[in-house]
Every structure is written in C-alpha cells, then in structure tokens.
C-alpha atoms as a PDB file:
ATOM      1  CA  MET A   1       0.000   0.000   0.000  1.00  0.00           C
ATOM      2  CA  GLU A   2       2.854   2.398   0.785  1.00  0.00           C
ATOM      3  CA  ASN A   3       4.377   1.820  -2.666  1.00  0.00           C
ATOM      4  CA  SER A   4       1.001   2.366  -4.305  1.00  0.00           C
ATOM      5  CA  TYR A   5       0.538   5.651  -2.496  1.00  0.00           C
ATOM      6  CA  HIS A   6       4.050   6.746  -3.484  1.00  0.00           C
ATOM      7  CA  ILE A   7       3.389   5.917  -7.152  1.00  0.00           C
ATOM      8  CA  LEU A   8       0.188   7.951  -7.157  1.00  0.00           C
ATOM      9  CA  GLU A   9       2.016  10.897  -5.604  1.00  0.00           C
ATOM     10  CA  ILE A  10       4.620  10.754  -8.372  1.00  0.00           C
ATOM     11  CA  ALA A  11       1.860  10.716 -10.981  1.00  0.00           C
ATOM     12  CA  ARG A  12       0.039  13.634  -9.370  1.00  0.00           C
ATOM     13  CA  GLU A  13       3.225  15.659  -9.106  1.00  0.00           C
ATOM     14  CA  THR A  14       4.022  15.000 -12.777  1.00  0.00           C
ATOM     15  CA  ILE A  15       0.564  16.164 -13.814  1.00  0.00           C
ATOM     16  CA  ALA A  16       0.829  19.249 -11.598  1.00  0.00           C
ATOM     17  CA  ILE A  17       4.213  20.261 -13.014  1.00  0.00           C
ATOM     18  CA  GLU A  18       3.074  19.841 -16.592  1.00  0.00           C
ATOM     19  CA  SER A  19      -0.198  21.661 -15.894  1.00  0.00           C
ATOM     20  CA  GLN A  20       1.738  24.635 -14.544  1.00  0.00           C
ATOM     21  CA  ALA A  21       3.974  24.561 -17.609  1.00  0.00           C
ATOM     22  CA  ILE A  22       0.963  24.693 -19.925  1.00  0.00           C
ATOM     23  CA  ALA A  23      -0.660  27.484 -17.934  1.00  0.00           C
ATOM     24  CA  GLY A  24       2.493  29.555 -18.253  1.00  0.00           C
ATOM     25  CA  LEU A  25       2.378  29.443 -22.050  1.00  0.00           C
ATOM     26  CA  SER A  26      -0.480  31.951 -22.160  1.00  0.00           C
ATOM     27  CA  GLU A  27       1.792  34.637 -20.711  1.00  0.00           C
ATOM     28  CA  LEU A  28       4.434  33.918 -23.348  1.00  0.00           C
ATOM     29  CA  LEU A  29       2.145  34.349 -26.351  1.00  0.00           C
ATOM     30  CA  ASP A  30       2.776  37.522 -28.326  1.00  0.00           C
ATOM     31  CA  GLN A  31       2.504  39.044 -31.787  1.00  0.00           C
ATOM     32  CA  ASN A  32       4.793  36.351 -33.166  1.00  0.00           C
ATOM     33  CA  PHE A  33       2.035  33.771 -32.729  1.00  0.00           C
ATOM     34  CA  GLU A  34      -0.475  35.924 -34.615  1.00  0.00           C
ATOM     35  CA  SER A  35       2.041  36.599 -37.371  1.00  0.00           C
ATOM     36  CA  ALA A  36       2.838  32.907 -37.668  1.00  0.00           C
ATOM     37  CA  VAL A  37      -0.836  32.026 -38.091  1.00  0.00           C
ATOM     38  CA  GLU A  38      -1.310  34.791 -40.650  1.00  0.00           C
ATOM     39  CA  ALA A  39       1.748  33.608 -42.596  1.00  0.00           C
ATOM     40  CA  ILE A  40       0.395  30.065 -42.792  1.00  0.00           C
ATOM     41  CA  LEU A  41      -3.044  31.345 -43.836  1.00  0.00           C
ATOM     42  CA  ALA A  42      -1.518  33.479 -46.588  1.00  0.00           C
ATOM     43  CA  SER A  43       0.705  30.685 -47.884  1.00  0.00           C
ATOM     44  CA  LYS A  44      -0.248  28.815 -51.038  1.00  0.00           C
ATOM     45  CA  GLY A  45       1.892  25.878 -49.968  1.00  0.00           C
ATOM     46  CA  ARG A  46       2.088  23.470 -47.073  1.00  0.00           C
ATOM     47  CA  VAL A  47       3.495  23.586 -43.573  1.00  0.00           C
ATOM     48  CA  ILE A  48       6.727  21.599 -43.368  1.00  0.00           C
ATOM     49  CA  VAL A  49       7.134  20.601 -39.714  1.00  0.00           C
ATOM     50  CA  THR A  50      10.607  19.538 -38.660  1.00  0.00           C
ATOM     51  CA  GLY A  51      12.515  18.623 -35.530  1.00  0.00           C
ATOM     52  CA  ILE A  52      14.846  16.045 -34.045  1.00  0.00           C
ATOM     53  CA  GLY A  53      14.622  13.671 -31.110  1.00  0.00           C
ATOM     54  CA  LYS A  54      11.488  14.023 -28.976  1.00  0.00           C
ATOM     55  CA  SER A  55      10.649  17.233 -30.805  1.00  0.00           C
ATOM     56  CA  ALA A  56      10.425  15.205 -34.010  1.00  0.00           C
ATOM     57  CA  ASN A  57       7.862  12.943 -32.339  1.00  0.00           C
ATOM     58  CA  ILE A  58       5.803  15.986 -31.387  1.00  0.00           C
ATOM     59  CA  ALA A  59       6.174  17.310 -34.936  1.00  0.00           C
ATOM     60  CA  THR A  60       4.541  14.201 -36.401  1.00  0.00           C
ATOM     61  CA  LYS A  61       1.508  14.677 -34.174  1.00  0.00           C
ATOM     62  CA  ILE A  62       1.226  18.346 -35.111  1.00  0.00           C
ATOM     63  CA  VAL A  63       1.359  17.378 -38.785  1.00  0.00           C
ATOM     64  CA  ALA A  64      -1.490  14.912 -38.237  1.00  0.00           C
ATOM     65  CA  THR A  65      -3.570  17.583 -36.504  1.00  0.00           C
ATOM     66  CA  PHE A  66      -2.899  20.136 -39.247  1.00  0.00           C
ATOM     67  CA  ASN A  67      -3.874  17.701 -42.002  1.00  0.00           C
ATOM     68  CA  SER A  68      -7.070  16.638 -40.264  1.00  0.00           C
ATOM     69  CA  THR A  69      -8.215  20.222 -39.729  1.00  0.00           C
ATOM     70  CA  GLY A  70      -7.651  21.718 -43.170  1.00  0.00           C
ATOM     71  CA  THR A  71      -4.001  22.829 -43.105  1.00  0.00           C
ATOM     72  CA  PRO A  72      -1.885  20.708 -45.496  1.00  0.00           C
ATOM     73  CA  ALA A  73       1.327  19.644 -43.778  1.00  0.00           C
ATOM     74  CA  ILE A  74       4.151  17.119 -44.014  1.00  0.00           C
ATOM     75  CA  PHE A  75       6.823  15.975 -41.558  1.00  0.00           C
ATOM     76  CA  MET A  76      10.513  16.289 -42.386  1.00  0.00           C
ATOM     77  CA  HIS A  77      13.049  14.922 -39.909  1.00  0.00           C
ATOM     78  CA  ALA A  78      15.785  17.495 -39.324  1.00  0.00           C
ATOM     79  CA  ALA A  79      18.577  14.920 -39.653  1.00  0.00           C
ATOM     80  CA  ASP A  80      17.152  13.486 -42.872  1.00  0.00           C
ATOM     81  CA  ALA A  81      16.646  16.993 -44.236  1.00  0.00           C
ATOM     82  CA  ILE A  82      20.375  17.671 -44.415  1.00  0.00           C
ATOM     83  CA  HIS A  83      20.907  14.321 -46.111  1.00  0.00           C
ATOM     84  CA  GLY A  84      18.557  14.734 -49.043  1.00  0.00           C
ATOM     85  CA  ASP A  85      15.048  15.421 -47.729  1.00  0.00           C
ATOM     86  CA  LEU A  86      15.340  19.183 -48.253  1.00  0.00           C
ATOM     87  CA  GLY A  87      13.784  18.440 -51.629  1.00  0.00           C
ATOM     88  CA  ASN A  88      10.462  18.216 -49.778  1.00  0.00           C
ATOM     89  CA  ILE A  89      10.409  21.983 -49.377  1.00  0.00           C
ATOM     90  CA  GLN A  90       8.708  23.880 -52.193  1.00  0.00           C
ATOM     91  CA  LYS A  91       8.863  27.630 -52.753  1.00  0.00           C
ATOM     92  CA  ASP A  92       5.456  28.442 -51.212  1.00  0.00           C
ATOM     93  CA  ASP A  93       5.850  26.238 -48.134  1.00  0.00           C
ATOM     94  CA  VAL A  94       6.145  27.552 -44.593  1.00  0.00           C
ATOM     95  CA  VAL A  95       8.590  25.724 -42.339  1.00  0.00           C
ATOM     96  CA  LEU A  96       7.780  25.111 -38.675  1.00  0.00           C
ATOM     97  CA  CYS A  97      10.864  24.050 -36.722  1.00  0.00           C
ATOM     98  CA  ILE A  98      10.479  22.549 -33.238  1.00  0.00           C
ATOM     99  CA  SER A  99      13.392  22.388 -30.807  1.00  0.00           C
ATOM    100  CA  LYS A 100      13.688  22.743 -27.057  1.00  0.00           C
ATOM    101  CA  SER A 101      17.199  24.216 -27.043  1.00  0.00           C
ATOM    102  CA  GLY A 102      17.281  25.686 -30.527  1.00  0.00           C
ATOM    103  CA  ASN A 103      20.985  24.903 -30.691  1.00  0.00           C
ATOM    104  CA  THR A 104      21.253  21.318 -31.952  1.00  0.00           C
ATOM    105  CA  PRO A 105      23.861  20.754 -34.703  1.00  0.00           C
ATOM    106  CA  GLU A 106      21.221  19.661 -37.221  1.00  0.00           C
ATOM    107  CA  ILE A 107      19.253  22.872 -36.668  1.00  0.00           C
ATOM    108  CA  LYS A 108      22.344  24.993 -37.180  1.00  0.00           C
ATOM    109  CA  VAL A 109      22.951  23.327 -40.539  1.00  0.00           C
ATOM    110  CA  LEU A 110      19.308  23.233 -41.606  1.00  0.00           C
ATOM    111  CA  ILE A 111      18.159  26.797 -40.928  1.00  0.00           C
ATOM    112  CA  PRO A 112      20.667  28.622 -43.225  1.00  0.00           C
ATOM    113  CA  LEU A 113      19.754  26.261 -46.057  1.00  0.00           C
ATOM    114  CA  ILE A 114      16.027  26.941 -45.669  1.00  0.00           C
ATOM    115  CA  LYS A 115      16.656  30.673 -45.414  1.00  0.00           C
ATOM    116  CA  SER A 116      18.576  30.538 -48.686  1.00  0.00           C
ATOM    117  CA  TYR A 117      15.419  29.165 -50.329  1.00  0.00           C
ATOM    118  CA  GLY A 118      13.421  32.176 -49.123  1.00  0.00           C
ATOM    119  CA  ASN A 119      10.808  30.213 -47.165  1.00  0.00           C
ATOM    120  CA  ILE A 120       9.193  31.672 -44.058  1.00  0.00           C
ATOM    121  CA  ILE A 121      10.465  29.912 -40.926  1.00  0.00           C
ATOM    122  CA  ILE A 122       8.504  29.642 -37.683  1.00  0.00           C
ATOM    123  CA  ALA A 123      10.066  28.245 -34.516  1.00  0.00           C
ATOM    124  CA  ILE A 124       8.556  26.630 -31.446  1.00  0.00           C
ATOM    125  CA  SER A 125      11.370  26.644 -28.915  1.00  0.00           C
ATOM    126  CA  GLY A 126      12.049  27.254 -25.253  1.00  0.00           C
ATOM    127  CA  ASN A 127      15.152  29.364 -25.856  1.00  0.00           C
ATOM    128  CA  SER A 128      14.682  32.716 -27.539  1.00  0.00           C
ATOM    129  CA  ASP A 129      18.416  33.440 -27.349  1.00  0.00           C
ATOM    130  CA  SER A 130      19.308  30.302 -29.270  1.00  0.00           C
ATOM    131  CA  TYR A 131      20.597  30.033 -32.821  1.00  0.00           C
ATOM    132  CA  LEU A 132      17.085  29.038 -33.905  1.00  0.00           C
ATOM    133  CA  GLY A 133      15.454  31.873 -31.981  1.00  0.00           C
ATOM    134  CA  GLU A 134      17.676  34.477 -33.614  1.00  0.00           C
ATOM    135  CA  ASN A 135      17.355  33.180 -37.179  1.00  0.00           C
ATOM    136  CA  VAL A 136      13.660  32.658 -37.822  1.00  0.00           C
ATOM    137  CA  ASP A 137      10.886  34.930 -38.975  1.00  0.00           C
ATOM    138  CA  PHE A 138       8.513  34.202 -36.088  1.00  0.00           C
ATOM    139  CA  PHE A 139       9.461  32.760 -32.709  1.00  0.00           C
ATOM    140  CA  ILE A 140       6.823  31.049 -30.545  1.00  0.00           C
ATOM    141  CA  ASN A 141       8.116  30.659 -27.013  1.00  0.00           C
ATOM    142  CA  SER A 142       7.601  27.227 -25.406  1.00  0.00           C
ATOM    143  CA  TYR A 143       9.783  27.883 -22.353  1.00  0.00           C
ATOM    144  CA  VAL A 144       9.015  25.774 -19.276  1.00  0.00           C
ATOM    145  CA  LYS A 145      10.441  26.311 -15.823  1.00  0.00           C
ATOM    146  CA  GLU A 146      11.140  22.632 -15.202  1.00  0.00           C
ATOM    147  CA  GLU A 147      10.692  19.189 -16.639  1.00  0.00           C
ATOM    148  CA  ALA A 148       8.556  16.707 -14.745  1.00  0.00           C
ATOM    149  CA  CYS A 149      11.571  14.406 -14.712  1.00  0.00           C
ATOM    150  CA  PRO A 150      13.161  14.596 -11.206  1.00  0.00           C
ATOM    151  CA  ASN A 151      16.567  15.132 -12.845  1.00  0.00           C
ATOM    152  CA  ASN A 152      15.124  17.919 -14.990  1.00  0.00           C
ATOM    153  CA  LEU A 153      16.494  16.153 -18.055  1.00  0.00           C
ATOM    154  CA  ALA A 154      13.933  13.945 -19.823  1.00  0.00           C
ATOM    155  CA  PRO A 155      11.705  16.028 -22.144  1.00  0.00           C
ATOM    156  CA  THR A 156       8.311  15.986 -20.437  1.00  0.00           C
ATOM    157  CA  SER A 157       6.935  19.431 -19.658  1.00  0.00           C
ATOM    158  CA  SER A 158       8.789  20.849 -22.660  1.00  0.00           C
ATOM    159  CA  THR A 159       7.305  18.393 -25.158  1.00  0.00           C
ATOM    160  CA  THR A 160       3.851  18.887 -23.654  1.00  0.00           C
ATOM    161  CA  ALA A 161       4.284  22.631 -24.185  1.00  0.00           C
ATOM    162  CA  GLN A 162       5.313  22.062 -27.814  1.00  0.00           C
ATOM    163  CA  LEU A 163       2.274  19.891 -28.366  1.00  0.00           C
ATOM    164  CA  VAL A 164      -0.108  22.426 -26.862  1.00  0.00           C
ATOM    165  CA  LEU A 165       1.288  25.244 -28.980  1.00  0.00           C
ATOM    166  CA  GLY A 166       0.925  23.073 -32.077  1.00  0.00           C
ATOM    167  CA  ASP A 167      -2.704  22.499 -31.159  1.00  0.00           C
ATOM    168  CA  ALA A 168      -3.152  26.232 -30.606  1.00  0.00           C
ATOM    169  CA  LEU A 169      -1.845  26.906 -34.114  1.00  0.00           C
ATOM    170  CA  ALA A 170      -4.104  24.247 -35.630  1.00  0.00           C
ATOM    171  CA  VAL A 171      -7.229  25.464 -33.824  1.00  0.00           C
ATOM    172  CA  ALA A 172      -6.556  29.106 -34.711  1.00  0.00           C
ATOM    173  CA  LEU A 173      -6.106  28.132 -38.353  1.00  0.00           C
ATOM    174  CA  LEU A 174      -9.229  25.983 -38.527  1.00  0.00           C
ATOM    175  CA  GLN A 175     -11.370  28.727 -37.023  1.00  0.00           C
ATOM    176  CA  LEU A 176      -9.977  31.382 -39.345  1.00  0.00           C
ATOM    177  CA  ARG A 177     -10.583  29.056 -42.294  1.00  0.00           C
ATOM    178  CA  ASP A 178     -14.205  28.554 -41.156  1.00  0.00           C
ATOM    179  CA  PHE A 179     -13.514  24.823 -41.025  1.00  0.00           C
ATOM    180  CA  THR A 180     -16.924  23.223 -40.411  1.00  0.00           C
ATOM    181  CA  SER A 181     -18.170  19.859 -39.195  1.00  0.00           C
ATOM    182  CA  ASP A 182     -18.865  18.972 -42.841  1.00  0.00           C
ATOM    183  CA  ASP A 183     -15.234  19.705 -43.684  1.00  0.00           C
ATOM    184  CA  PHE A 184     -14.168  17.574 -40.726  1.00  0.00           C
ATOM    185  CA  ALA A 185     -16.218  14.668 -42.047  1.00  0.00           C
ATOM    186  CA  LYS A 186     -14.415  14.838 -45.398  1.00  0.00           C
ATOM    187  CA  TYR A 187     -11.083  14.278 -43.651  1.00  0.00           C
ATOM    188  CA  HIS A 188     -12.418  11.609 -41.247  1.00  0.00           C
ATOM    189  CA  PRO A 189     -14.713   9.406 -43.347  1.00  0.00           C
ATOM    190  CA  GLY A 190     -13.687   6.169 -41.651  1.00  0.00           C
ATOM    191  CA  GLY A 191     -14.138   7.152 -38.034  1.00  0.00           C
ATOM    192  CA  ALA A 192     -17.261   7.027 -35.939  1.00  0.00           C
ATOM    193  CA  LEU A 193     -17.371  10.807 -35.716  1.00  0.00           C
ATOM    194  CA  GLY A 194     -17.012  11.185 -39.457  1.00  0.00           C
ATOM    195  CA  LYS A 195     -19.785   8.685 -40.059  1.00  0.00           C
ATOM    196  CA  LYS A 196     -22.099  10.685 -37.835  1.00  0.00           C
ATOM    197  CA  LEU A 197     -21.418  13.711 -39.999  1.00  0.00           C
ATOM    198  CA  TYR A 198     -21.841  12.170 -43.437  1.00  0.00           C
ATOM    199  CA  MET A 199     -23.474   8.716 -43.366  1.00  0.00           C
ATOM    200  CA  ARG A 200     -27.132   8.755 -44.337  1.00  0.00           C
ATOM    201  CA  VAL A 201     -30.006   6.362 -43.728  1.00  0.00           C
ATOM    202  CA  THR A 202     -29.863   5.080 -47.308  1.00  0.00           C
ATOM    203  CA  ASP A 203     -26.241   3.997 -46.738  1.00  0.00           C
ATOM    204  CA  VAL A 204     -27.202   1.768 -43.816  1.00  0.00           C
ATOM    205  CA  MET A 205     -30.782   0.609 -44.271  1.00  0.00           C
ATOM    206  CA  LEU A 206     -32.090  -2.722 -45.515  1.00  0.00           C
ATOM    207  CA  LYS A 207     -33.234  -2.145 -49.091  1.00  0.00           C
ATOM    208  CA  LYS A 208     -33.826  -5.614 -50.512  1.00  0.00           C
ATOM    209  CA  ASP A 209     -36.587  -8.030 -49.562  1.00  0.00           C
ATOM    210  CA  ILE A 210     -38.039  -5.586 -47.050  1.00  0.00           C
ATOM    211  CA  PRO A 211     -40.910  -6.803 -44.821  1.00  0.00           C
ATOM    212  CA  LYS A 212     -44.366  -5.781 -45.968  1.00  0.00           C
ATOM    213  CA  VAL A 213     -47.930  -7.050 -45.975  1.00  0.00           C
ATOM    214  CA  THR A 214     -51.214  -5.735 -47.299  1.00  0.00           C
ATOM    215  CA  PRO A 215     -53.945  -4.482 -44.939  1.00  0.00           C
ATOM    216  CA  ASP A 216     -56.057  -7.605 -45.648  1.00  0.00           C
ATOM    217  CA  ALA A 217     -53.241 -10.098 -45.023  1.00  0.00           C
ATOM    218  CA  ASN A 218     -54.241 -12.772 -42.502  1.00  0.00           C
ATOM    219  CA  ILE A 219     -52.430 -13.112 -39.211  1.00  0.00           C
ATOM    220  CA  LYS A 220     -50.558 -16.224 -40.290  1.00  0.00           C
ATOM    221  CA  ASP A 221     -49.045 -14.349 -43.237  1.00  0.00           C
ATOM    222  CA  VAL A 222     -48.143 -11.469 -40.948  1.00  0.00           C
ATOM    223  CA  ILE A 223     -46.338 -13.792 -38.524  1.00  0.00           C
ATOM    224  CA  VAL A 224     -44.481 -15.518 -41.372  1.00  0.00           C
ATOM    225  CA  GLU A 225     -43.392 -12.184 -42.830  1.00  0.00           C
ATOM    226  CA  ILE A 226     -42.101 -10.868 -39.510  1.00  0.00           C
ATOM    227  CA  SER A 227     -40.368 -14.138 -38.706  1.00  0.00           C
ATOM    228  CA  SER A 228     -38.768 -14.650 -42.123  1.00  0.00           C
ATOM    229  CA  LYS A 229     -37.384 -11.117 -42.427  1.00  0.00           C
ATOM    230  CA  ARG A 230     -35.918 -11.261 -38.882  1.00  0.00           C
ATOM    231  CA  LEU A 231     -36.457  -7.590 -38.084  1.00  0.00           C
ATOM    232  CA  GLY A 232     -39.236  -7.979 -35.556  1.00  0.00           C
ATOM    233  CA  THR A 233     -41.561  -5.845 -37.655  1.00  0.00           C
ATOM    234  CA  THR A 234     -43.352  -5.449 -40.955  1.00  0.00           C
ATOM    235  CA  ALA A 235     -44.811  -2.496 -42.775  1.00  0.00           C
ATOM    236  CA  VAL A 236     -48.458  -2.539 -43.810  1.00  0.00           C
ATOM    237  CA  VAL A 237     -48.708  -1.028 -47.274  1.00  0.00           C
ATOM    238  CA  GLU A 238     -51.215  -0.085 -49.915  1.00  0.00           C
ATOM    239  CA  GLY A 239     -49.252  -0.105 -53.117  1.00  0.00           C
ATOM    240  CA  ALA A 240     -45.998   1.590 -52.102  1.00  0.00           C
ATOM    241  CA  LYS A 241     -47.550   3.764 -49.392  1.00  0.00           C
ATOM    242  CA  ILE A 242     -47.147   2.916 -45.722  1.00  0.00           C
ATOM    243  CA  ILE A 243     -50.412   2.904 -43.765  1.00  0.00           C
ATOM    244  CA  GLY A 244     -49.241   1.080 -40.653  1.00  0.00           C
ATOM    245  CA  ILE A 245     -46.699  -1.102 -38.898  1.00  0.00           C
ATOM    246  CA  ILE A 246     -46.923  -4.392 -37.004  1.00  0.00           C
ATOM    247  CA  THR A 247     -44.246  -5.383 -34.519  1.00  0.00           C
ATOM    248  CA  ASP A 248     -43.589  -8.372 -32.289  1.00  0.00           C
ATOM    249  CA  GLY A 249     -45.182  -6.328 -29.537  1.00  0.00           C
ATOM    250  CA  ASP A 250     -48.398  -5.934 -31.531  1.00  0.00           C
ATOM    251  CA  LEU A 251     -48.577  -9.702 -31.957  1.00  0.00           C
ATOM    252  CA  ARG A 252     -48.136 -10.265 -28.219  1.00  0.00           C
ATOM    253  CA  ARG A 253     -50.857  -7.750 -27.417  1.00  0.00           C
ATOM    254  CA  MET A 254     -53.147  -9.467 -29.939  1.00  0.00           C
ATOM    255  CA  LEU A 255     -52.660 -12.799 -28.148  1.00  0.00           C
ATOM    256  CA  GLU A 256     -53.486 -11.158 -24.822  1.00  0.00           C
ATOM    257  CA  THR A 257     -56.710  -9.536 -26.028  1.00  0.00           C
ATOM    258  CA  HIS A 258     -58.129 -12.037 -28.552  1.00  0.00           C
ATOM    259  CA  GLN A 259     -59.082 -15.639 -27.919  1.00  0.00           C
ATOM    260  CA  ASN A 260     -59.675 -16.227 -31.596  1.00  0.00           C
ATOM    261  CA  PHE A 261     -57.571 -14.322 -34.076  1.00  0.00           C
ATOM    262  CA  GLU A 262     -58.146 -16.376 -37.210  1.00  0.00           C
ATOM    263  CA  SER A 263     -60.635 -13.795 -38.466  1.00  0.00           C
ATOM    264  CA  LEU A 264     -58.250 -10.887 -37.859  1.00  0.00           C
ATOM    265  CA  SER A 265     -56.205  -9.257 -40.576  1.00  0.00           C
ATOM    266  CA  ALA A 266     -53.186  -6.943 -40.611  1.00  0.00           C
ATOM    267  CA  LYS A 267     -55.284  -3.777 -40.498  1.00  0.00           C
ATOM    268  CA  ASP A 268     -56.972  -4.944 -37.292  1.00  0.00           C
ATOM    269  CA  ILE A 269     -53.784  -5.099 -35.234  1.00  0.00           C
ATOM    270  CA  MET A 270     -51.469  -2.615 -36.941  1.00  0.00           C
ATOM    271  CA  SER A 271     -50.366   0.681 -35.443  1.00  0.00           C
ATOM    272  CA  SER A 272     -51.382   3.515 -37.729  1.00  0.00           C
ATOM    273  CA  ASN A 273     -49.145   6.458 -38.566  1.00  0.00           C
ATOM    274  CA  PRO A 274     -45.864   4.714 -37.719  1.00  0.00           C
ATOM    275  CA  LYS A 275     -42.615   6.606 -37.250  1.00  0.00           C
ATOM    276  CA  THR A 276     -40.805   6.926 -40.559  1.00  0.00           C
ATOM    277  CA  ILE A 277     -37.648   8.613 -41.751  1.00  0.00           C
ATOM    278  CA  VAL A 278     -36.604   9.947 -45.159  1.00  0.00           C
ATOM    279  CA  ALA A 279     -33.864   7.976 -46.878  1.00  0.00           C
ATOM    280  CA  ASP A 280     -31.406  10.849 -47.311  1.00  0.00           C
ATOM    281  CA  THR A 281     -31.574  11.875 -43.632  1.00  0.00           C
ATOM    282  CA  LEU A 282     -28.360  11.574 -41.648  1.00  0.00           C
ATOM    283  CA  ALA A 283     -28.118   8.187 -39.949  1.00  0.00           C
ATOM    284  CA  VAL A 284     -27.409   9.841 -36.604  1.00  0.00           C
ATOM    285  CA  GLU A 285     -30.830  11.524 -36.829  1.00  0.00           C
ATOM    286  CA  ALA A 286     -32.405   8.089 -37.211  1.00  0.00           C
ATOM    287  CA  LEU A 287     -30.665   7.087 -33.995  1.00  0.00           C
ATOM    288  CA  GLN A 288     -31.992  10.169 -32.223  1.00  0.00           C
ATOM    289  CA  THR A 289     -35.532   9.415 -33.411  1.00  0.00           C
ATOM    290  CA  MET A 290     -35.281   5.836 -32.137  1.00  0.00           C
ATOM    291  CA  GLU A 291     -33.980   6.991 -28.770  1.00  0.00           C
ATOM    292  CA  ASN A 292     -36.653   9.692 -28.421  1.00  0.00           C
ATOM    293  CA  ASN A 293     -39.443   7.217 -29.183  1.00  0.00           C
ATOM    294  CA  ASN A 294     -37.949   4.177 -27.434  1.00  0.00           C
ATOM    295  CA  ILE A 295     -38.044   2.038 -30.597  1.00  0.00           C
ATOM    296  CA  THR A 296     -35.448  -0.079 -32.375  1.00  0.00           C
ATOM    297  CA  GLN A 297     -36.347   0.371 -36.029  1.00  0.00           C
ATOM    298  CA  LEU A 298     -37.780   2.893 -38.454  1.00  0.00           C
ATOM    299  CA  LEU A 299     -39.511   2.472 -41.777  1.00  0.00           C
ATOM    300  CA  VAL A 300     -37.726   4.418 -44.503  1.00  0.00           C
ATOM    301  CA  VAL A 301     -39.468   6.426 -47.203  1.00  0.00           C
ATOM    302  CA  ALA A 302     -38.433   8.274 -50.342  1.00  0.00           C
ATOM    303  CA  ALA A 303     -40.921  10.412 -52.271  1.00  0.00           C
ATOM    304  CA  ASN A 304     -43.585   9.081 -49.865  1.00  0.00           C
ATOM    305  CA  LYS A 305     -42.869   5.500 -50.942  1.00  0.00           C
ATOM    306  CA  TYR A 306     -41.741   2.661 -48.677  1.00  0.00           C
ATOM    307  CA  VAL A 307     -38.134   1.847 -49.607  1.00  0.00           C
ATOM    308  CA  GLY A 308     -36.510   0.178 -46.600  1.00  0.00           C
ATOM    309  CA  VAL A 309     -36.025  -0.424 -42.893  1.00  0.00           C
ATOM    310  CA  ILE A 310     -33.255   0.860 -40.647  1.00  0.00           C
ATOM    311  CA  HIS A 311     -32.615  -1.027 -37.416  1.00  0.00           C
ATOM    312  CA  LEU A 312     -30.688  -0.073 -34.309  1.00  0.00           C
ATOM    313  CA  HIS A 313     -28.327  -2.980 -35.024  1.00  0.00           C
ATOM    314  CA  ASP A 314     -27.417  -1.423 -38.404  1.00  0.00           C
ATOM    315  CA  LEU A 315     -26.324   1.761 -36.659  1.00  0.00           C
ATOM    316  CA  LEU A 316     -24.426  -0.202 -34.037  1.00  0.00           C
ATOM    317  CA  LYS A 317     -22.585  -2.178 -36.720  1.00  0.00           C
ATOM    318  CA  GLU A 318     -21.479   1.034 -38.446  1.00  0.00           C
ATOM    319  CA  GLY A 319     -20.247   2.585 -35.201  1.00  0.00           C
ATOM    320  CA  ILE A 320     -22.846   5.374 -35.263  1.00  0.00           C
ATOM    321  CA  ILE A 321     -23.765   4.624 -31.652  1.00  0.00           C
END
C-alpha cells in the first residue's frame, strides 16, 4: 500500500508540473504567434514541420492535426533533411521548426539552407536566445520552468508545451478558415465521428426483400413475414404507401386480447401512422428518433414510398452509436 501511495504521488506531481507549464504558455504568447498564423493562412503551400529527437515525435503529431483540420502539412526529420530530404520543401511552403534548445547541430545546418530558399520559418522553442530563436521569422516561445523528470532532463513538460502550442496553431487556423463539421467529415470518413457527420439512412438501411404485408393479409401471413425477415416488424402497405406497422409487440398484445384471431387481418392489429424517416436523412438523426421514441427500427421512405427499414443494429454495426 505504501508503494502504491508513493506511485500515485509521483503521478500527481508530474501532472501538476506539466499543468503549470501549460498554464504559463499563455503569458508567453505575443505578436509572433499571430504573425505565424497569418503567414500560414496566406501561404499557397504546405506547412513543413521539422525537428529532431522528442521534438520530431511531437512534430509528427502536429502534422497529423494540421492535415485533419484543413491545413496541409508534411513531416521532415531534421537529420534526414540535411541528407537529401530538403527536396520536400517547395517555394510556397512555410517551415515550422520545433526544438527545445534551438541549438542542436542539425538545426544549425538546416536553418541557413532553408533561409537561402526564401521560405518563411517559424520556430517553437524554449530558448529565444538560441541560434534558432535568432534566425527565424517568427518565434513562438515554449519555455518551461522545469521538466517533470526529477533530474530535470527527460523532455516531459517541454514536449507537452510544444504539443499544446501546435494544437493552438491548428485550432486558430481551422477557425480562421471557417472549417466546419462537414469539412471535418471529409477528412475523417472512416471514423465514428465522421460517419455521424456524413453517413445517411440510405447507406445503412435494408433495401432488398423488405418486410411488408397488405392491410387484408391474414395473421398467419403477418407472422411468417415478420419471422422470415428477422427484423421484428413489418410495414403494412397499400401499393408503395405505408399505412401502418406491425411489430412483435403488436402480436403479443393481440394474443393477450383475442381468444380467436383467425378472423383478424393486418389492419386490425397494426399501429397507424408509424414513425418513418426519409432515406437521405443523416443516420445519426435516425438514432436520435429511435432513442426519443424508445423504438429499435424505423420504416424508410423516399418520395412518400416505402423503400426500406433501418434497425438499431445497423447503426451499431457502423459505429454510429
């Protein structure tokens, strides 16, 4: 128990130190941050994000965030850059260089080469007096008082600060670009969130061999239709128009209230005016309708014609829930 308590104290202290480091970044923000954002917005190229060591790891995450929020970006490792990868940089690109010290040998070789190309260079660094700090167009200060590491050596608070500033750049850019939820869906079509933003009922619903009976269908035919289609329901239709729905629950209620049901037909036990949804409606709206009405399926219509059924299980399978 004593060891467990000690471990939790270490964890809490780490979180506290890094939280303080992040909070301090707000005081360090200045016109350089605004100018950096404006430079990226004005650029017709991409953001080339570079770094070495742990800063390179942070750079790859920032690139991913940029790309997913409407700012084209690529990662270029600082060491690889001076061994051939400088060809990644095109004339309209903006370079974002990430370094805690700003004085690593690779940075000192890389920066003059980029400057000779005429590209705008932005730095995220904790040392404004460094070689990097003195040789870039816009310097974003990521200084932290201490690392969470007890030896004040392992990059912890400093890399967290770099990450937060990268997020701040990405969020500022997406808001200034009026990046909407529809835009987000375009970049995230495979994820659950993306599906909620673009997937429609017609993409998910059962379209073939959909359950349906006529109003005069006898109860045996109704039971066979519900059982064979395995959806727990059937539409009652006149032509292609829905006039009612029969569910497993309707059949149970019929058994409770009728001793003899051989003379009954579909229209006698159906629920009129069933909940329906239009085929091109977002699938997430179908889910909301089911939840609001405590049901597990909806009949789907297009141009007032019965065209399918969407079930809660279909939404679950697609990760909409």
